[in-house]
PDB file of N, CA and C in Angstrom:
ATOM      1  N   MET A   1      89.048 140.090  12.475  1.00  0.00           N
ATOM      2  CA  MET A   1      89.276 138.662  12.478  1.00  0.00           C
ATOM      3  C   MET A   1      90.597 138.333  13.157  1.00  0.00           C
ATOM      4  N   SER A   2      91.612 139.121  12.916  1.00  0.00           N
ATOM      5  CA  SER A   2      92.907 138.834  13.513  1.00  0.00           C
ATOM      6  C   SER A   2      92.884 139.034  15.026  1.00  0.00           C
ATOM      7  N   THR A   3      92.041 139.956  15.520  1.00  0.00           N
ATOM      8  CA  THR A   3      91.974 140.155  16.967  1.00  0.00           C
ATOM      9  C   THR A   3      91.387 138.928  17.656  1.00  0.00           C
ATOM     10  N   GLU A   4      90.438 138.231  17.002  1.00  0.00           N
ATOM     11  CA  GLU A   4      89.878 137.020  17.586  1.00  0.00           C
ATOM     12  C   GLU A   4      90.953 135.942  17.702  1.00  0.00           C
ATOM     13  N   ARG A   5      91.771 135.815  16.701  1.00  0.00           N
ATOM     14  CA  ARG A   5      92.829 134.804  16.728  1.00  0.00           C
ATOM     15  C   ARG A   5      93.837 135.104  17.830  1.00  0.00           C
ATOM     16  N   THR A   6      94.253 136.345  17.924  1.00  0.00           N
ATOM     17  CA  THR A   6      95.253 136.673  18.933  1.00  0.00           C
ATOM     18  C   THR A   6      94.686 136.524  20.339  1.00  0.00           C
ATOM     19  N   SER A   7      93.429 136.856  20.543  1.00  0.00           N
ATOM     20  CA  SER A   7      92.859 136.708  21.881  1.00  0.00           C
ATOM     21  C   SER A   7      92.716 135.229  22.242  1.00  0.00           C
ATOM     22  N   TRP A   8      92.356 134.379  21.276  1.00  0.00           N
ATOM     23  CA  TRP A   8      92.229 132.950  21.559  1.00  0.00           C
ATOM     24  C   TRP A   8      93.593 132.318  21.806  1.00  0.00           C
ATOM     25  N   THR A   9      94.581 132.694  21.011  1.00  0.00           N
ATOM     26  CA  THR A   9      95.896 132.095  21.182  1.00  0.00           C
ATOM     27  C   THR A   9      96.599 132.613  22.425  1.00  0.00           C
ATOM     28  N   SER A  10      96.184 133.748  22.931  1.00  0.00           N
ATOM     29  CA  SER A  10      96.819 134.266  24.151  1.00  0.00           C
ATOM     30  C   SER A  10      96.300 133.575  25.405  1.00  0.00           C
ATOM     31  N   LEU A  11      95.217 132.822  25.291  1.00  0.00           N
ATOM     32  CA  LEU A  11      94.698 132.096  26.444  1.00  0.00           C
ATOM     33  C   LEU A  11      95.576 130.889  26.757  1.00  0.00           C
ATOM     34  N   SER A  12      95.693 130.589  28.035  1.00  0.00           N
ATOM     35  CA  SER A  12      96.444 129.399  28.422  1.00  0.00           C
ATOM     36  C   SER A  12      95.581 128.161  28.171  1.00  0.00           C
ATOM     37  N   THR A  13      96.187 127.007  28.238  1.00  0.00           N
ATOM     38  CA  THR A  13      95.453 125.755  28.023  1.00  0.00           C
ATOM     39  C   THR A  13      94.352 125.591  29.063  1.00  0.00           C
ATOM     40  N   ILE A  14      94.650 125.918  30.301  1.00  0.00           N
ATOM     41  CA  ILE A  14      93.656 125.818  31.371  1.00  0.00           C
ATOM     42  C   ILE A  14      92.476 126.747  31.101  1.00  0.00           C
ATOM     43  N   GLN A  15      92.762 127.948  30.628  1.00  0.00           N
ATOM     44  CA  GLN A  15      91.691 128.896  30.327  1.00  0.00           C
ATOM     45  C   GLN A  15      90.836 128.395  29.164  1.00  0.00           C
ATOM     46  N   LYS A  16      91.454 127.777  28.161  1.00  0.00           N
ATOM     47  CA  LYS A  16      90.701 127.227  27.031  1.00  0.00           C
ATOM     48  C   LYS A  16      89.800 126.092  27.497  1.00  0.00           C
ATOM     49  N   ILE A  17      90.323 125.234  28.373  1.00  0.00           N
ATOM     50  CA  ILE A  17      89.514 124.131  28.901  1.00  0.00           C
ATOM     51  C   ILE A  17      88.345 124.670  29.720  1.00  0.00           C
ATOM     52  N   ALA A  18      88.628 125.663  30.565  1.00  0.00           N
ATOM     53  CA  ALA A  18      87.573 126.254  31.386  1.00  0.00           C
ATOM     54  C   ALA A  18      86.489 126.883  30.515  1.00  0.00           C
ATOM     55  N   LEU A  19      86.897 127.554  29.468  1.00  0.00           N
ATOM     56  CA  LEU A  19      85.935 128.163  28.549  1.00  0.00           C
ATOM     57  C   LEU A  19      85.131 127.086  27.835  1.00  0.00           C
ATOM     58  N   GLY A  20      85.813 126.031  27.401  1.00  0.00           N
ATOM     59  CA  GLY A  20      85.124 124.940  26.711  1.00  0.00           C
ATOM     60  C   GLY A  20      84.128 124.212  27.591  1.00  0.00           C
ATOM     61  N   LEU A  21      84.436 124.093  28.866  1.00  0.00           N
ATOM     62  CA  LEU A  21      83.512 123.441  29.798  1.00  0.00           C
ATOM     63  C   LEU A  21      82.454 124.400  30.317  1.00  0.00           C
ATOM     64  N   GLY A  22      82.789 125.665  30.407  1.00  0.00           N
ATOM     65  CA  GLY A  22      81.876 126.646  30.979  1.00  0.00           C
ATOM     66  C   GLY A  22      80.681 126.946  30.111  1.00  0.00           C
ATOM     67  N   ILE A  23      80.878 126.984  28.816  1.00  0.00           N
ATOM     68  CA  ILE A  23      79.761 127.310  27.919  1.00  0.00           C
ATOM     69  C   ILE A  23      78.679 126.227  27.962  1.00  0.00           C
ATOM     70  N   PRO A  24      79.020 124.927  27.799  1.00  0.00           N
ATOM     71  CA  PRO A  24      77.975 123.913  27.910  1.00  0.00           C
ATOM     72  C   PRO A  24      77.360 123.848  29.311  1.00  0.00           C
ATOM     73  N   ALA A  25      78.157 124.090  30.341  1.00  0.00           N
ATOM     74  CA  ALA A  25      77.632 124.058  31.708  1.00  0.00           C
ATOM     75  C   ALA A  25      76.607 125.169  31.919  1.00  0.00           C
ATOM     76  N   SER A  26      76.900 126.359  31.439  1.00  0.00           N
ATOM     77  CA  SER A  26      75.949 127.458  31.602  1.00  0.00           C
ATOM     78  C   SER A  26      74.688 127.223  30.783  1.00  0.00           C
ATOM     79  N   ALA A  27      74.826 126.595  29.625  1.00  0.00           N
ATOM     80  CA  ALA A  27      73.646 126.260  28.822  1.00  0.00           C
ATOM     81  C   ALA A  27      72.783 125.232  29.549  1.00  0.00           C
ATOM     82  N   THR A  28      73.424 124.279  30.207  1.00  0.00           N
ATOM     83  CA  THR A  28      72.690 123.267  30.967  1.00  0.00           C
ATOM     84  C   THR A  28      71.942 123.901  32.131  1.00  0.00           C
ATOM     85  N   VAL A  29      72.586 124.790  32.851  1.00  0.00           N
ATOM     86  CA  VAL A  29      71.941 125.477  33.972  1.00  0.00           C
ATOM     87  C   VAL A  29      70.757 126.303  33.471  1.00  0.00           C
ATOM     88  N   ALA A  30      70.930 127.007  32.371  1.00  0.00           N
ATOM     89  CA  ALA A  30      69.836 127.802  31.809  1.00  0.00           C
ATOM     90  C   ALA A  30      68.661 126.916  31.413  1.00  0.00           C
ATOM     91  N   TYR A  31      68.942 125.744  30.843  1.00  0.00           N
ATOM     92  CA  TYR A  31      67.874 124.826  30.448  1.00  0.00           C
ATOM     93  C   TYR A  31      67.131 124.297  31.668  1.00  0.00           C
ATOM     94  N   ILE A  32      67.867 123.956  32.723  1.00  0.00           N
ATOM     95  CA  ILE A  32      67.231 123.453  33.947  1.00  0.00           C
ATOM     96  C   ILE A  32      66.330 124.522  34.555  1.00  0.00           C
ATOM     97  N   LEU A  33      66.818 125.755  34.602  1.00  0.00           N
ATOM     98  CA  LEU A  33      66.000 126.843  35.138  1.00  0.00           C
ATOM     99  C   LEU A  33      64.761 127.077  34.287  1.00  0.00           C
ATOM    100  N   TYR A  34      64.903 126.984  32.970  1.00  0.00           N
ATOM    101  CA  TYR A  34      63.763 127.139  32.075  1.00  0.00           C
ATOM    102  C   TYR A  34      62.734 126.049  32.323  1.00  0.00           C
ATOM    103  N   ARG A  35      63.203 124.793  32.462  1.00  0.00           N
ATOM    104  CA  ARG A  35      62.278 123.682  32.726  1.00  0.00           C
ATOM    105  C   ARG A  35      61.522 123.886  34.033  1.00  0.00           C
ATOM    106  N   ARG A  36      62.235 124.324  35.077  1.00  0.00           N
ATOM    107  CA  ARG A  36      61.566 124.568  36.366  1.00  0.00           C
ATOM    108  C   ARG A  36      60.524 125.663  36.232  1.00  0.00           C
ATOM    109  N   TYR A  37      60.874 126.718  35.521  1.00  0.00           N
ATOM    110  CA  TYR A  37      59.936 127.821  35.326  1.00  0.00           C
ATOM    111  C   TYR A  37      58.703 127.333  34.571  1.00  0.00           C
ATOM    112  N   ARG A  38      58.923 126.582  33.493  1.00  0.00           N
ATOM    113  CA  ARG A  38      57.815 126.097  32.683  1.00  0.00           C
ATOM    114  C   ARG A  38      56.927 125.145  33.487  1.00  0.00           C
ATOM    115  N   GLU A  39      57.543 124.264  34.294  1.00  0.00           N
ATOM    116  CA  GLU A  39      56.758 123.332  35.098  1.00  0.00           C
ATOM    117  C   GLU A  39      55.960 124.061  36.175  1.00  0.00           C
ATOM    118  N   SER A  40      56.545 125.101  36.763  1.00  0.00           N
ATOM    119  CA  SER A  40      55.814 125.845  37.788  1.00  0.00           C
ATOM    120  C   SER A  40      54.645 126.602  37.168  1.00  0.00           C
ATOM    121  N   ARG A  41      54.837 127.108  35.963  1.00  0.00           N
ATOM    122  CA  ARG A  41      53.739 127.786  35.278  1.00  0.00           C
ATOM    123  C   ARG A  41      52.620 126.798  34.936  1.00  0.00           C
ATOM    124  N   ALA A  42      52.991 125.589  34.540  1.00  0.00           N
ATOM    125  CA  ALA A  42      51.993 124.574  34.215  1.00  0.00           C
ATOM    126  C   ALA A  42      51.226 124.169  35.476  1.00  0.00           C
ATOM    127  N   ALA A  43      51.918 124.071  36.607  1.00  0.00           N
ATOM    128  CA  ALA A  43      51.264 123.719  37.869  1.00  0.00           C
ATOM    129  C   ALA A  43      50.283 124.808  38.286  1.00  0.00           C
ATOM    130  N   GLU A  44      50.639 126.080  38.091  1.00  0.00           N
ATOM    131  CA  GLU A  44      49.731 127.174  38.409  1.00  0.00           C
ATOM    132  C   GLU A  44      48.493 127.115  37.533  1.00  0.00           C
ATOM    133  N   THR A  45      48.662 126.790  36.271  1.00  0.00           N
ATOM    134  CA  THR A  45      47.539 126.689  35.346  1.00  0.00           C
ATOM    135  C   THR A  45      46.608 125.557  35.761  1.00  0.00           C
ATOM    136  N   ASP A  46      47.185 124.430  36.190  1.00  0.00           N
ATOM    137  CA  ASP A  46      46.380 123.299  36.643  1.00  0.00           C
ATOM    138  C   ASP A  46      45.581 123.661  37.888  1.00  0.00           C
ATOM    139  N   ARG A  47      46.193 124.398  38.822  1.00  0.00           N
ATOM    140  CA  ARG A  47      45.494 124.794  40.040  1.00  0.00           C
ATOM    141  C   ARG A  47      44.345 125.747  39.732  1.00  0.00           C
ATOM    142  N   CYS A  48      44.534 126.616  38.778  1.00  0.00           N
ATOM    143  CA  CYS A  48      43.500 127.591  38.432  1.00  0.00           C
ATOM    144  C   CYS A  48      42.312 126.927  37.748  1.00  0.00           C
ATOM    145  N   SER A  49      42.568 125.855  37.021  1.00  0.00           N
ATOM    146  CA  SER A  49      41.472 125.222  36.279  1.00  0.00           C
ATOM    147  C   SER A  49      40.651 124.270  37.141  1.00  0.00           C
ATOM    148  N   ASP A  50      41.141 123.929  38.348  1.00  0.00           N
ATOM    149  CA  ASP A  50      40.376 123.017  39.226  1.00  0.00           C
ATOM    150  C   ASP A  50      39.234 123.696  39.911  1.00  0.00           C
TER     151      ASP A  50
END
């Protein structure tokens, strides 16, 4: 537990901001890629059923 505190406190303010913005940004990118994948799979299913 103490190692987590020391590693977080050793980060600069800029690094903390980058980390705080980077995690939601990467989650957003992952969600967009998932949606594209799911939509492409649905389109393939529609083409096969015609």
